[in-house]
């Protein structure tokens, strides 16, 4: 590489750019780590486009020699209950014939629950943060201490109480069982409280003087000011709900209500009895991962900002 310089006479000269060997060597572990992280994703992609015979080869190939879409849909695969074919297995969109829509149904379940939980939980958290920071509600300090204390308790501890409560309310095997327990986000409340404390109280006091109600202040003044923080938190909440596995596994028995992580778990179990299903599992994993990758690249600025804002001081 070279750097262009302009002399006093106006001529442009090029001089070689100095390379900092120490800085380049310091970056080497980062490059190696990036390769290690990307190898599983590369294997997932190539395995999704391999044929069953190529998947069974040993040693494995790192490029598909004859790319195929059979892992997604294989016309030659036997119908459910038919004679097994070691060289052809039902693709992703041929699995779960007893479920209307199959894999697409699981994707819609995951997408719908993720959107509802993300939107509603952020609205509830923003309202809670507003009440804790900009009002004189009695006991607000105690409530805030309780919220902070709940963050110190491992979430696995609440699985049994949540399941018993959900069961007593008749919400197992339902979308409500997915959504309602996921609406309480202590960290989001804590994060928004810290962010709101940096906003002058005079804005809220002026709105009260003008006769605005608390609901109107929250909706028309506080929420617009919280937009950067809400966008950052929406990414974390949405990714967490998209990958939610343990809680749906506990409360859901009806296959029509499965989400993508549970469906992928079933495909992983199928590999034990049918090694040729590995390509199908990789194809399903790629389809489940693709929305999160696209979501990240579209909102990566907010994602980075969320990490930066997490260190905000009161």
C-alpha atoms as a PDB file:
ATOM      1  CA  UNK A   1       0.000   0.000   0.000  1.00  0.00           C
ATOM      2  CA  UNK A   2       1.101   3.594  -0.593  1.00  0.00           C
ATOM      3  CA  UNK A   3       0.181   7.055   0.666  1.00  0.00           C
ATOM      4  CA  UNK A   4      -0.186  10.024  -1.718  1.00  0.00           C
ATOM      5  CA  UNK A   5       1.486  13.317  -0.684  1.00  0.00           C
ATOM      6  CA  UNK A   6       1.505  16.734  -2.364  1.00  0.00           C
ATOM      7  CA  UNK A   7       4.811  18.566  -2.460  1.00  0.00           C
ATOM      8  CA  UNK A   8       5.313  22.343  -2.296  1.00  0.00           C
ATOM      9  CA  UNK A   9       5.588  22.415  -6.095  1.00  0.00           C
ATOM     10  CA  UNK A  10       2.159  20.811  -6.398  1.00  0.00           C
ATOM     11  CA  UNK A  11       3.346  17.440  -7.636  1.00  0.00           C
ATOM     12  CA  UNK A  12       1.799  14.270  -6.266  1.00  0.00           C
ATOM     13  CA  UNK A  13       4.231  11.657  -5.030  1.00  0.00           C
ATOM     14  CA  UNK A  14       3.610   8.240  -3.572  1.00  0.00           C
ATOM     15  CA  UNK A  15       5.508   6.821  -0.673  1.00  0.00           C
ATOM     16  CA  UNK A  16       5.062   3.325   0.757  1.00  0.00           C
ATOM     17  CA  UNK A  17       2.859   3.051   3.817  1.00  0.00           C
ATOM     18  CA  UNK A  18       4.616   1.688   6.858  1.00  0.00           C
ATOM     19  CA  UNK A  19       3.255  -1.623   8.076  1.00  0.00           C
ATOM     20  CA  UNK A  20       3.115  -2.102  11.803  1.00  0.00           C
ATOM     21  CA  UNK A  21       4.189  -5.726  12.086  1.00  0.00           C
ATOM     22  CA  UNK A  22       3.350  -5.869  15.781  1.00  0.00           C
ATOM     23  CA  UNK A  23      -0.227  -4.679  15.189  1.00  0.00           C
ATOM     24  CA  UNK A  24      -0.721  -7.206  12.381  1.00  0.00           C
ATOM     25  CA  UNK A  25       0.561 -10.053  14.537  1.00  0.00           C
ATOM     26  CA  UNK A  26      -1.722  -8.924  17.368  1.00  0.00           C
ATOM     27  CA  UNK A  27      -4.704  -9.300  15.012  1.00  0.00           C
ATOM     28  CA  UNK A  28      -3.711 -12.827  14.014  1.00  0.00           C
ATOM     29  CA  UNK A  29      -5.512 -14.541  16.952  1.00  0.00           C
ATOM     30  CA  UNK A  30      -8.680 -12.647  16.009  1.00  0.00           C
ATOM     31  CA  UNK A  31      -8.488 -13.943  12.441  1.00  0.00           C
ATOM     32  CA  UNK A  32      -7.902 -17.490  13.669  1.00  0.00           C
ATOM     33  CA  UNK A  33     -10.795 -17.195  16.105  1.00  0.00           C
ATOM     34  CA  UNK A  34     -13.065 -15.927  13.309  1.00  0.00           C
ATOM     35  CA  UNK A  35     -12.177 -18.970  11.217  1.00  0.00           C
ATOM     36  CA  UNK A  36     -12.914 -21.319  14.133  1.00  0.00           C
ATOM     37  CA  UNK A  37     -16.277 -19.648  14.685  1.00  0.00           C
ATOM     38  CA  UNK A  38     -17.243 -19.752  11.006  1.00  0.00           C
ATOM     39  CA  UNK A  39     -16.305 -23.411  10.366  1.00  0.00           C
ATOM     40  CA  UNK A  40     -19.544 -24.834  11.908  1.00  0.00           C
ATOM     41  CA  UNK A  41     -21.621 -22.428   9.815  1.00  0.00           C
ATOM     42  CA  UNK A  42     -19.733 -23.429   6.684  1.00  0.00           C
ATOM     43  CA  UNK A  43     -20.320 -27.106   7.470  1.00  0.00           C
ATOM     44  CA  UNK A  44     -24.014 -26.414   8.044  1.00  0.00           C
ATOM     45  CA  UNK A  45     -24.352 -24.734   4.650  1.00  0.00           C
ATOM     46  CA  UNK A  46     -22.482 -27.333   2.600  1.00  0.00           C
ATOM     47  CA  UNK A  47     -24.167 -30.256   4.377  1.00  0.00           C
ATOM     48  CA  UNK A  48     -27.582 -28.802   3.521  1.00  0.00           C
ATOM     49  CA  UNK A  49     -26.765 -29.088  -0.191  1.00  0.00           C
ATOM     50  CA  UNK A  50     -25.123 -32.521  -0.156  1.00  0.00           C
ATOM     51  CA  UNK A  51     -26.773 -35.745  -1.247  1.00  0.00           C
ATOM     52  CA  UNK A  52     -27.216 -38.554   1.265  1.00  0.00           C
ATOM     53  CA  UNK A  53     -24.423 -40.747  -0.225  1.00  0.00           C
ATOM     54  CA  UNK A  54     -21.997 -37.805  -0.079  1.00  0.00           C
ATOM     55  CA  UNK A  55     -22.952 -37.084   3.521  1.00  0.00           C
ATOM     56  CA  UNK A  56     -22.014 -40.665   4.437  1.00  0.00           C
ATOM     57  CA  UNK A  57     -18.540 -40.468   2.901  1.00  0.00           C
ATOM     58  CA  UNK A  58     -15.517 -40.769   5.155  1.00  0.00           C
ATOM     59  CA  UNK A  59     -13.438 -38.608   5.181  1.00  0.00           C
ATOM     60  CA  UNK A  60     -16.007 -35.854   4.619  1.00  0.00           C
ATOM     61  CA  UNK A  61     -15.826 -33.401   1.743  1.00  0.00           C
ATOM     62  CA  UNK A  62     -15.690 -29.671   2.408  1.00  0.00           C
ATOM     63  CA  UNK A  63     -17.388 -28.734  -0.866  1.00  0.00           C
ATOM     64  CA  UNK A  64     -20.531 -30.403  -2.269  1.00  0.00           C
ATOM     65  CA  UNK A  65     -19.497 -32.237  -5.435  1.00  0.00           C
ATOM     66  CA  UNK A  66     -23.047 -32.492  -6.742  1.00  0.00           C
ATOM     67  CA  UNK A  67     -25.153 -29.754  -5.043  1.00  0.00           C
ATOM     68  CA  UNK A  68     -28.718 -30.839  -4.447  1.00  0.00           C
ATOM     69  CA  UNK A  69     -31.902 -29.492  -2.859  1.00  0.00           C
ATOM     70  CA  UNK A  70     -32.971 -32.952  -1.668  1.00  0.00           C
ATOM     71  CA  UNK A  71     -32.488 -31.942   1.975  1.00  0.00           C
ATOM     72  CA  UNK A  72     -35.251 -29.386   1.488  1.00  0.00           C
ATOM     73  CA  UNK A  73     -37.553 -31.479  -0.714  1.00  0.00           C
ATOM     74  CA  UNK A  74     -36.753 -34.876  -2.227  1.00  0.00           C
ATOM     75  CA  UNK A  75     -39.362 -36.196  -4.705  1.00  0.00           C
ATOM     76  CA  UNK A  76     -37.775 -39.660  -4.612  1.00  0.00           C
ATOM     77  CA  UNK A  77     -38.065 -39.981  -0.835  1.00  0.00           C
ATOM     78  CA  UNK A  78     -40.464 -42.664   0.419  1.00  0.00           C
ATOM     79  CA  UNK A  79     -43.815 -41.569   1.803  1.00  0.00           C
ATOM     80  CA  UNK A  80     -44.433 -41.891   5.559  1.00  0.00           C
ATOM     81  CA  UNK A  81     -44.802 -45.562   6.396  1.00  0.00           C
ATOM     82  CA  UNK A  82     -43.280 -46.639   3.078  1.00  0.00           C
ATOM     83  CA  UNK A  83     -40.190 -48.730   2.426  1.00  0.00           C
ATOM     84  CA  UNK A  84     -37.087 -46.944   3.770  1.00  0.00           C
ATOM     85  CA  UNK A  85     -34.563 -45.815   1.166  1.00  0.00           C
ATOM     86  CA  UNK A  86     -31.016 -45.345   2.510  1.00  0.00           C
ATOM     87  CA  UNK A  87     -30.161 -42.953  -0.337  1.00  0.00           C
ATOM     88  CA  UNK A  88     -33.229 -40.725  -0.056  1.00  0.00           C
ATOM     89  CA  UNK A  89     -34.860 -39.268   3.041  1.00  0.00           C
ATOM     90  CA  UNK A  90     -37.797 -36.834   3.308  1.00  0.00           C
ATOM     91  CA  UNK A  91     -36.670 -33.220   3.160  1.00  0.00           C
ATOM     92  CA  UNK A  92     -37.425 -30.425   5.594  1.00  0.00           C
ATOM     93  CA  UNK A  93     -40.707 -29.534   3.914  1.00  0.00           C
ATOM     94  CA  UNK A  94     -41.760 -33.200   3.800  1.00  0.00           C
ATOM     95  CA  UNK A  95     -41.385 -33.836   7.524  1.00  0.00           C
ATOM     96  CA  UNK A  96     -44.248 -33.634  10.028  1.00  0.00           C
ATOM     97  CA  UNK A  97     -47.013 -34.571   7.541  1.00  0.00           C
ATOM     98  CA  UNK A  98     -49.459 -34.668  10.461  1.00  0.00           C
ATOM     99  CA  UNK A  99     -48.944 -30.928  11.052  1.00  0.00           C
ATOM    100  CA  UNK A 100     -50.668 -28.532   8.662  1.00  0.00           C
ATOM    101  CA  UNK A 101     -47.887 -26.526   7.048  1.00  0.00           C
ATOM    102  CA  UNK A 102     -45.098 -28.571   8.647  1.00  0.00           C
ATOM    103  CA  UNK A 103     -41.872 -26.617   8.985  1.00  0.00           C
ATOM    104  CA  UNK A 104     -43.562 -23.412   7.787  1.00  0.00           C
ATOM    105  CA  UNK A 105     -46.043 -23.710  10.674  1.00  0.00           C
ATOM    106  CA  UNK A 106     -43.188 -23.898  13.194  1.00  0.00           C
ATOM    107  CA  UNK A 107     -41.580 -20.839  11.597  1.00  0.00           C
ATOM    108  CA  UNK A 108     -44.806 -18.846  11.847  1.00  0.00           C
ATOM    109  CA  UNK A 109     -45.235 -19.942  15.476  1.00  0.00           C
ATOM    110  CA  UNK A 110     -41.751 -18.713  16.313  1.00  0.00           C
ATOM    111  CA  UNK A 111     -42.134 -15.472  14.390  1.00  0.00           C
ATOM    112  CA  UNK A 112     -45.536 -14.632  15.900  1.00  0.00           C
ATOM    113  CA  UNK A 113     -44.507 -15.344  19.493  1.00  0.00           C
ATOM    114  CA  UNK A 114     -41.231 -13.431  19.039  1.00  0.00           C
ATOM    115  CA  UNK A 115     -42.964 -10.321  17.695  1.00  0.00           C
ATOM    116  CA  UNK A 116     -45.693 -10.300  20.363  1.00  0.00           C
ATOM    117  CA  UNK A 117     -43.328 -10.909  23.290  1.00  0.00           C
ATOM    118  CA  UNK A 118     -40.850  -8.307  22.032  1.00  0.00           C
ATOM    119  CA  UNK A 119     -43.407  -5.541  21.489  1.00  0.00           C
ATOM    120  CA  UNK A 120     -45.518  -6.134  24.602  1.00  0.00           C
ATOM    121  CA  UNK A 121     -42.583  -6.717  26.966  1.00  0.00           C
ATOM    122  CA  UNK A 122     -40.882  -3.507  25.816  1.00  0.00           C
ATOM    123  CA  UNK A 123     -44.086  -1.505  26.312  1.00  0.00           C
ATOM    124  CA  UNK A 124     -44.546  -2.932  29.807  1.00  0.00           C
ATOM    125  CA  UNK A 125     -40.887  -2.357  30.686  1.00  0.00           C
ATOM    126  CA  UNK A 126     -40.975   1.237  29.419  1.00  0.00           C
ATOM    127  CA  UNK A 127     -44.091   1.964  31.472  1.00  0.00           C
ATOM    128  CA  UNK A 128     -42.488   0.413  34.553  1.00  0.00           C
ATOM    129  CA  UNK A 129     -39.295   2.419  34.010  1.00  0.00           C
ATOM    130  CA  UNK A 130     -41.320   5.623  33.657  1.00  0.00           C
ATOM    131  CA  UNK A 131     -43.189   4.981  36.897  1.00  0.00           C
ATOM    132  CA  UNK A 132     -39.939   4.202  38.722  1.00  0.00           C
ATOM    133  CA  UNK A 133     -38.050   7.291  37.547  1.00  0.00           C
ATOM    134  CA  UNK A 134     -40.459  10.102  36.674  1.00  0.00           C
ATOM    135  CA  UNK A 135     -43.283   9.701  39.207  1.00  0.00           C
ATOM    136  CA  UNK A 136     -43.652   9.752  42.978  1.00  0.00           C
ATOM    137  CA  UNK A 137     -45.401   6.389  43.131  1.00  0.00           C
ATOM    138  CA  UNK A 138     -45.285   4.984  46.694  1.00  0.00           C
ATOM    139  CA  UNK A 139     -42.860   2.092  47.176  1.00  0.00           C
ATOM    140  CA  UNK A 140     -41.078   2.650  43.876  1.00  0.00           C
ATOM    141  CA  UNK A 141     -37.636   2.259  45.457  1.00  0.00           C
ATOM    142  CA  UNK A 142     -38.669  -1.037  47.020  1.00  0.00           C
ATOM    143  CA  UNK A 143     -40.048  -2.249  43.695  1.00  0.00           C
ATOM    144  CA  UNK A 144     -36.818  -1.309  41.948  1.00  0.00           C
ATOM    145  CA  UNK A 145     -34.770  -3.196  44.541  1.00  0.00           C
ATOM    146  CA  UNK A 146     -36.986  -6.264  44.010  1.00  0.00           C
ATOM    147  CA  UNK A 147     -36.465  -6.038  40.247  1.00  0.00           C
ATOM    148  CA  UNK A 148     -32.699  -5.789  40.679  1.00  0.00           C
ATOM    149  CA  UNK A 149     -32.735  -8.701  43.134  1.00  0.00           C
ATOM    150  CA  UNK A 150     -34.657 -10.890  40.681  1.00  0.00           C
ATOM    151  CA  UNK A 151     -31.802 -10.496  38.178  1.00  0.00           C
ATOM    152  CA  UNK A 152     -29.482 -12.245  40.639  1.00  0.00           C
ATOM    153  CA  UNK A 153     -31.625 -15.405  40.740  1.00  0.00           C
ATOM    154  CA  UNK A 154     -30.825 -18.023  38.057  1.00  0.00           C
ATOM    155  CA  UNK A 155     -33.742 -18.265  35.668  1.00  0.00           C
ATOM    156  CA  UNK A 156     -33.770 -22.066  35.965  1.00  0.00           C
ATOM    157  CA  UNK A 157     -34.984 -21.661  39.544  1.00  0.00           C
ATOM    158  CA  UNK A 158     -38.259 -20.180  38.289  1.00  0.00           C
ATOM    159  CA  UNK A 159     -39.046 -23.022  35.864  1.00  0.00           C
ATOM    160  CA  UNK A 160     -41.021 -25.150  38.308  1.00  0.00           C
ATOM    161  CA  UNK A 161     -43.028 -22.265  39.882  1.00  0.00           C
ATOM    162  CA  UNK A 162     -43.777 -20.864  36.412  1.00  0.00           C
ATOM    163  CA  UNK A 163     -44.888 -24.261  35.144  1.00  0.00           C
ATOM    164  CA  UNK A 164     -47.153 -24.881  38.143  1.00  0.00           C
ATOM    165  CA  UNK A 165     -48.690 -21.416  37.807  1.00  0.00           C
ATOM    166  CA  UNK A 166     -49.144 -21.807  34.058  1.00  0.00           C
ATOM    167  CA  UNK A 167     -50.702 -25.238  34.564  1.00  0.00           C
ATOM    168  CA  UNK A 168     -53.126 -23.984  37.236  1.00  0.00           C
ATOM    169  CA  UNK A 169     -54.230 -21.185  34.906  1.00  0.00           C
ATOM    170  CA  UNK A 170     -54.835 -23.670  32.091  1.00  0.00           C
ATOM    171  CA  UNK A 171     -52.261 -22.093  29.757  1.00  0.00           C
ATOM    172  CA  UNK A 172     -50.177 -25.177  28.961  1.00  0.00           C
ATOM    173  CA  UNK A 173     -50.315 -26.314  25.337  1.00  0.00           C
ATOM    174  CA  UNK A 174     -51.350 -22.816  24.250  1.00  0.00           C
ATOM    175  CA  UNK A 175     -49.832 -19.655  22.842  1.00  0.00           C
ATOM    176  CA  UNK A 176     -50.587 -17.891  26.125  1.00  0.00           C
ATOM    177  CA  UNK A 177     -48.210 -20.307  27.827  1.00  0.00           C
ATOM    178  CA  UNK A 178     -45.521 -19.141  25.407  1.00  0.00           C
ATOM    179  CA  UNK A 179     -46.207 -15.440  25.723  1.00  0.00           C
ATOM    180  CA  UNK A 180     -47.318 -14.499  29.251  1.00  0.00           C
ATOM    181  CA  UNK A 181     -44.292 -15.829  31.222  1.00  0.00           C
ATOM    182  CA  UNK A 182     -41.945 -14.147  28.737  1.00  0.00           C
ATOM    183  CA  UNK A 183     -43.329 -10.643  29.249  1.00  0.00           C
ATOM    184  CA  UNK A 184     -41.422  -9.948  32.476  1.00  0.00           C
ATOM    185  CA  UNK A 185     -37.947  -8.700  31.513  1.00  0.00           C
ATOM    186  CA  UNK A 186     -36.098  -7.444  34.588  1.00  0.00           C
ATOM    187  CA  UNK A 187     -32.964  -6.490  32.710  1.00  0.00           C
ATOM    188  CA  UNK A 188     -34.936  -4.406  30.204  1.00  0.00           C
ATOM    189  CA  UNK A 189     -36.618  -2.498  33.058  1.00  0.00           C
ATOM    190  CA  UNK A 190     -33.243  -1.902  34.713  1.00  0.00           C
ATOM    191  CA  UNK A 191     -31.706  -0.761  31.425  1.00  0.00           C
ATOM    192  CA  UNK A 192     -34.556   1.659  30.654  1.00  0.00           C
ATOM    193  CA  UNK A 193     -34.472   3.044  34.198  1.00  0.00           C
ATOM    194  CA  UNK A 194     -30.801   3.919  33.771  1.00  0.00           C
ATOM    195  CA  UNK A 195     -31.530   5.502  30.396  1.00  0.00           C
ATOM    196  CA  UNK A 196     -34.498   7.540  31.661  1.00  0.00           C
ATOM    197  CA  UNK A 197     -32.476   8.925  34.555  1.00  0.00           C
ATOM    198  CA  UNK A 198     -30.300  10.727  32.010  1.00  0.00           C
ATOM    199  CA  UNK A 199     -33.371  12.561  30.642  1.00  0.00           C
ATOM    200  CA  UNK A 200     -34.248  15.871  32.397  1.00  0.00           C
ATOM    201  CA  UNK A 201     -37.274  15.737  34.692  1.00  0.00           C
ATOM    202  CA  UNK A 202     -38.277  19.214  33.502  1.00  0.00           C
ATOM    203  CA  UNK A 203     -39.776  17.731  30.316  1.00  0.00           C
ATOM    204  CA  UNK A 204     -42.214  15.651  32.337  1.00  0.00           C
ATOM    205  CA  UNK A 205     -42.967  18.471  34.788  1.00  0.00           C
ATOM    206  CA  UNK A 206     -43.756  20.845  31.916  1.00  0.00           C
ATOM    207  CA  UNK A 207     -46.193  18.298  30.452  1.00  0.00           C
ATOM    208  CA  UNK A 208     -47.933  17.943  33.810  1.00  0.00           C
ATOM    209  CA  UNK A 209     -48.252  21.724  34.094  1.00  0.00           C
ATOM    210  CA  UNK A 210     -49.925  21.730  30.687  1.00  0.00           C
ATOM    211  CA  UNK A 211     -52.474  19.237  32.028  1.00  0.00           C
ATOM    212  CA  UNK A 212     -51.249  16.058  30.319  1.00  0.00           C
ATOM    213  CA  UNK A 213     -52.150  12.788  32.011  1.00  0.00           C
ATOM    214  CA  UNK A 214     -49.506  10.256  33.047  1.00  0.00           C
ATOM    215  CA  UNK A 215     -50.588   7.932  30.240  1.00  0.00           C
ATOM    216  CA  UNK A 216     -50.243  10.699  27.665  1.00  0.00           C
ATOM    217  CA  UNK A 217     -46.830  11.719  29.004  1.00  0.00           C
ATOM    218  CA  UNK A 218     -45.623   8.145  28.791  1.00  0.00           C
ATOM    219  CA  UNK A 219     -47.004   7.601  25.280  1.00  0.00           C
ATOM    220  CA  UNK A 220     -46.203  10.932  23.612  1.00  0.00           C
ATOM    221  CA  UNK A 221     -43.089  12.111  25.467  1.00  0.00           C
ATOM    222  CA  UNK A 222     -41.291   9.226  27.151  1.00  0.00           C
ATOM    223  CA  UNK A 223     -41.624   6.559  24.447  1.00  0.00           C
ATOM    224  CA  UNK A 224     -40.182   8.750  21.655  1.00  0.00           C
ATOM    225  CA  UNK A 225     -37.243   9.630  23.898  1.00  0.00           C
ATOM    226  CA  UNK A 226     -36.701   5.932  24.630  1.00  0.00           C
ATOM    227  CA  UNK A 227     -36.569   4.968  20.954  1.00  0.00           C
ATOM    228  CA  UNK A 228     -32.780   4.316  20.790  1.00  0.00           C
ATOM    229  CA  UNK A 229     -32.834   2.237  23.987  1.00  0.00           C
ATOM    230  CA  UNK A 230     -35.964   0.337  22.918  1.00  0.00           C
ATOM    231  CA  UNK A 231     -34.426  -0.460  19.516  1.00  0.00           C
ATOM    232  CA  UNK A 232     -31.306  -1.819  21.208  1.00  0.00           C
ATOM    233  CA  UNK A 233     -33.282  -3.907  23.692  1.00  0.00           C
ATOM    234  CA  UNK A 234     -35.631  -5.180  20.973  1.00  0.00           C
ATOM    235  CA  UNK A 235     -32.707  -6.966  19.327  1.00  0.00           C
ATOM    236  CA  UNK A 236     -31.709  -8.810  22.498  1.00  0.00           C
ATOM    237  CA  UNK A 237     -35.297  -9.724  23.405  1.00  0.00           C
ATOM    238  CA  UNK A 238     -36.167 -10.877  19.870  1.00  0.00           C
ATOM    239  CA  UNK A 239     -33.067 -13.062  19.533  1.00  0.00           C
ATOM    240  CA  UNK A 240     -33.710 -14.582  22.952  1.00  0.00           C
ATOM    241  CA  UNK A 241     -37.302 -15.457  22.079  1.00  0.00           C
ATOM    242  CA  UNK A 242     -36.405 -16.763  18.614  1.00  0.00           C
ATOM    243  CA  UNK A 243     -33.958 -19.227  20.201  1.00  0.00           C
ATOM    244  CA  UNK A 244     -36.158 -20.079  23.196  1.00  0.00           C
ATOM    245  CA  UNK A 245     -36.053 -23.841  23.682  1.00  0.00           C
ATOM    246  CA  UNK A 246     -36.343 -25.043  27.275  1.00  0.00           C
ATOM    247  CA  UNK A 247     -39.583 -23.301  28.282  1.00  0.00           C
ATOM    248  CA  UNK A 248     -41.571 -24.323  25.157  1.00  0.00           C
ATOM    249  CA  UNK A 249     -40.212 -27.855  25.552  1.00  0.00           C
ATOM    250  CA  UNK A 250     -41.700 -27.990  29.060  1.00  0.00           C
ATOM    251  CA  UNK A 251     -45.170 -26.596  28.405  1.00  0.00           C
ATOM    252  CA  UNK A 252     -45.915 -27.719  24.813  1.00  0.00           C
ATOM    253  CA  UNK A 253     -47.059 -31.204  23.818  1.00  0.00           C
ATOM    254  CA  UNK A 254     -49.161 -30.367  20.756  1.00  0.00           C
ATOM    255  CA  UNK A 255     -46.971 -30.534  17.640  1.00  0.00           C
ATOM    256  CA  UNK A 256     -49.032 -27.777  15.999  1.00  0.00           C
ATOM    257  CA  UNK A 257     -47.581 -25.357  18.584  1.00  0.00           C
ATOM    258  CA  UNK A 258     -43.927 -26.351  18.235  1.00  0.00           C
ATOM    259  CA  UNK A 259     -41.393 -23.607  17.585  1.00  0.00           C
ATOM    260  CA  UNK A 260     -38.208 -23.913  15.528  1.00  0.00           C
ATOM    261  CA  UNK A 261     -35.827 -24.953  18.355  1.00  0.00           C
ATOM    262  CA  UNK A 262     -38.102 -27.873  19.298  1.00  0.00           C
ATOM    263  CA  UNK A 263     -38.442 -28.907  15.654  1.00  0.00           C
ATOM    264  CA  UNK A 264     -34.662 -28.831  15.254  1.00  0.00           C
ATOM    265  CA  UNK A 265     -34.304 -30.934  18.385  1.00  0.00           C
ATOM    266  CA  UNK A 266     -36.586 -33.579  16.876  1.00  0.00           C
ATOM    267  CA  UNK A 267     -34.503 -33.619  13.704  1.00  0.00           C
ATOM    268  CA  UNK A 268     -31.331 -34.012  15.752  1.00  0.00           C
ATOM    269  CA  UNK A 269     -32.852 -37.067  17.426  1.00  0.00           C
ATOM    270  CA  UNK A 270     -33.738 -38.484  14.003  1.00  0.00           C
ATOM    271  CA  UNK A 271     -30.065 -38.519  13.007  1.00  0.00           C
ATOM    272  CA  UNK A 272     -29.433 -41.333  15.515  1.00  0.00           C
ATOM    273  CA  UNK A 273     -31.871 -43.688  13.754  1.00  0.00           C
ATOM    274  CA  UNK A 274     -31.216 -42.339  10.245  1.00  0.00           C
ATOM    275  CA  UNK A 275     -27.743 -40.845   9.665  1.00  0.00           C
ATOM    276  CA  UNK A 276     -28.884 -39.648   6.238  1.00  0.00           C
ATOM    277  CA  UNK A 277     -31.136 -37.149   8.009  1.00  0.00           C
ATOM    278  CA  UNK A 278     -28.101 -35.066   8.927  1.00  0.00           C
ATOM    279  CA  UNK A 279     -28.477 -33.055   5.719  1.00  0.00           C
ATOM    280  CA  UNK A 280     -32.129 -32.391   6.575  1.00  0.00           C
ATOM    281  CA  UNK A 281     -31.149 -31.202  10.060  1.00  0.00           C
ATOM    282  CA  UNK A 282     -28.508 -28.913   8.566  1.00  0.00           C
ATOM    283  CA  UNK A 283     -30.998 -27.516   6.038  1.00  0.00           C
ATOM    284  CA  UNK A 284     -33.511 -26.827   8.814  1.00  0.00           C
ATOM    285  CA  UNK A 285     -30.796 -25.196  10.931  1.00  0.00           C
ATOM    286  CA  UNK A 286     -29.812 -22.960   8.034  1.00  0.00           C
ATOM    287  CA  UNK A 287     -33.417 -21.875   7.466  1.00  0.00           C
ATOM    288  CA  UNK A 288     -33.838 -21.183  11.186  1.00  0.00           C
ATOM    289  CA  UNK A 289     -30.578 -19.212  11.350  1.00  0.00           C
ATOM    290  CA  UNK A 290     -31.105 -17.138   8.206  1.00  0.00           C
ATOM    291  CA  UNK A 291     -33.723 -14.724   9.699  1.00  0.00           C
ATOM    292  CA  UNK A 292     -31.484 -13.938  12.680  1.00  0.00           C
ATOM    293  CA  UNK A 293     -28.496 -13.270  10.408  1.00  0.00           C
ATOM    294  CA  UNK A 294     -30.554 -10.947   8.194  1.00  0.00           C
ATOM    295  CA  UNK A 295     -32.007  -9.277  11.301  1.00  0.00           C
ATOM    296  CA  UNK A 296     -28.523  -8.673  12.685  1.00  0.00           C
ATOM    297  CA  UNK A 297     -27.133  -7.139   9.492  1.00  0.00           C
ATOM    298  CA  UNK A 298     -30.167  -4.863   9.142  1.00  0.00           C
ATOM    299  CA  UNK A 299     -29.946  -3.633  12.738  1.00  0.00           C
ATOM    300  CA  UNK A 300     -26.276  -4.093  13.559  1.00  0.00           C
ATOM    301  CA  UNK A 301     -25.904  -0.375  14.372  1.00  0.00           C
ATOM    302  CA  UNK A 302     -28.586  -0.697  17.041  1.00  0.00           C
ATOM    303  CA  UNK A 303     -26.978  -3.914  18.269  1.00  0.00           C
ATOM    304  CA  UNK A 304     -23.614  -2.197  18.755  1.00  0.00           C
ATOM    305  CA  UNK A 305     -25.330   0.819  20.288  1.00  0.00           C
ATOM    306  CA  UNK A 306     -27.118  -1.485  22.727  1.00  0.00           C
ATOM    307  CA  UNK A 307     -23.802  -2.882  23.904  1.00  0.00           C
ATOM    308  CA  UNK A 308     -22.457   0.655  24.310  1.00  0.00           C
ATOM    309  CA  UNK A 309     -25.578   1.909  26.091  1.00  0.00           C
ATOM    310  CA  UNK A 310     -25.475  -1.001  28.536  1.00  0.00           C
ATOM    311  CA  UNK A 311     -22.675   0.870  30.310  1.00  0.00           C
ATOM    312  CA  UNK A 312     -24.707   4.061  30.739  1.00  0.00           C
ATOM    313  CA  UNK A 313     -24.432   5.711  34.127  1.00  0.00           C
ATOM    314  CA  UNK A 314     -27.326   7.042  36.134  1.00  0.00           C
END
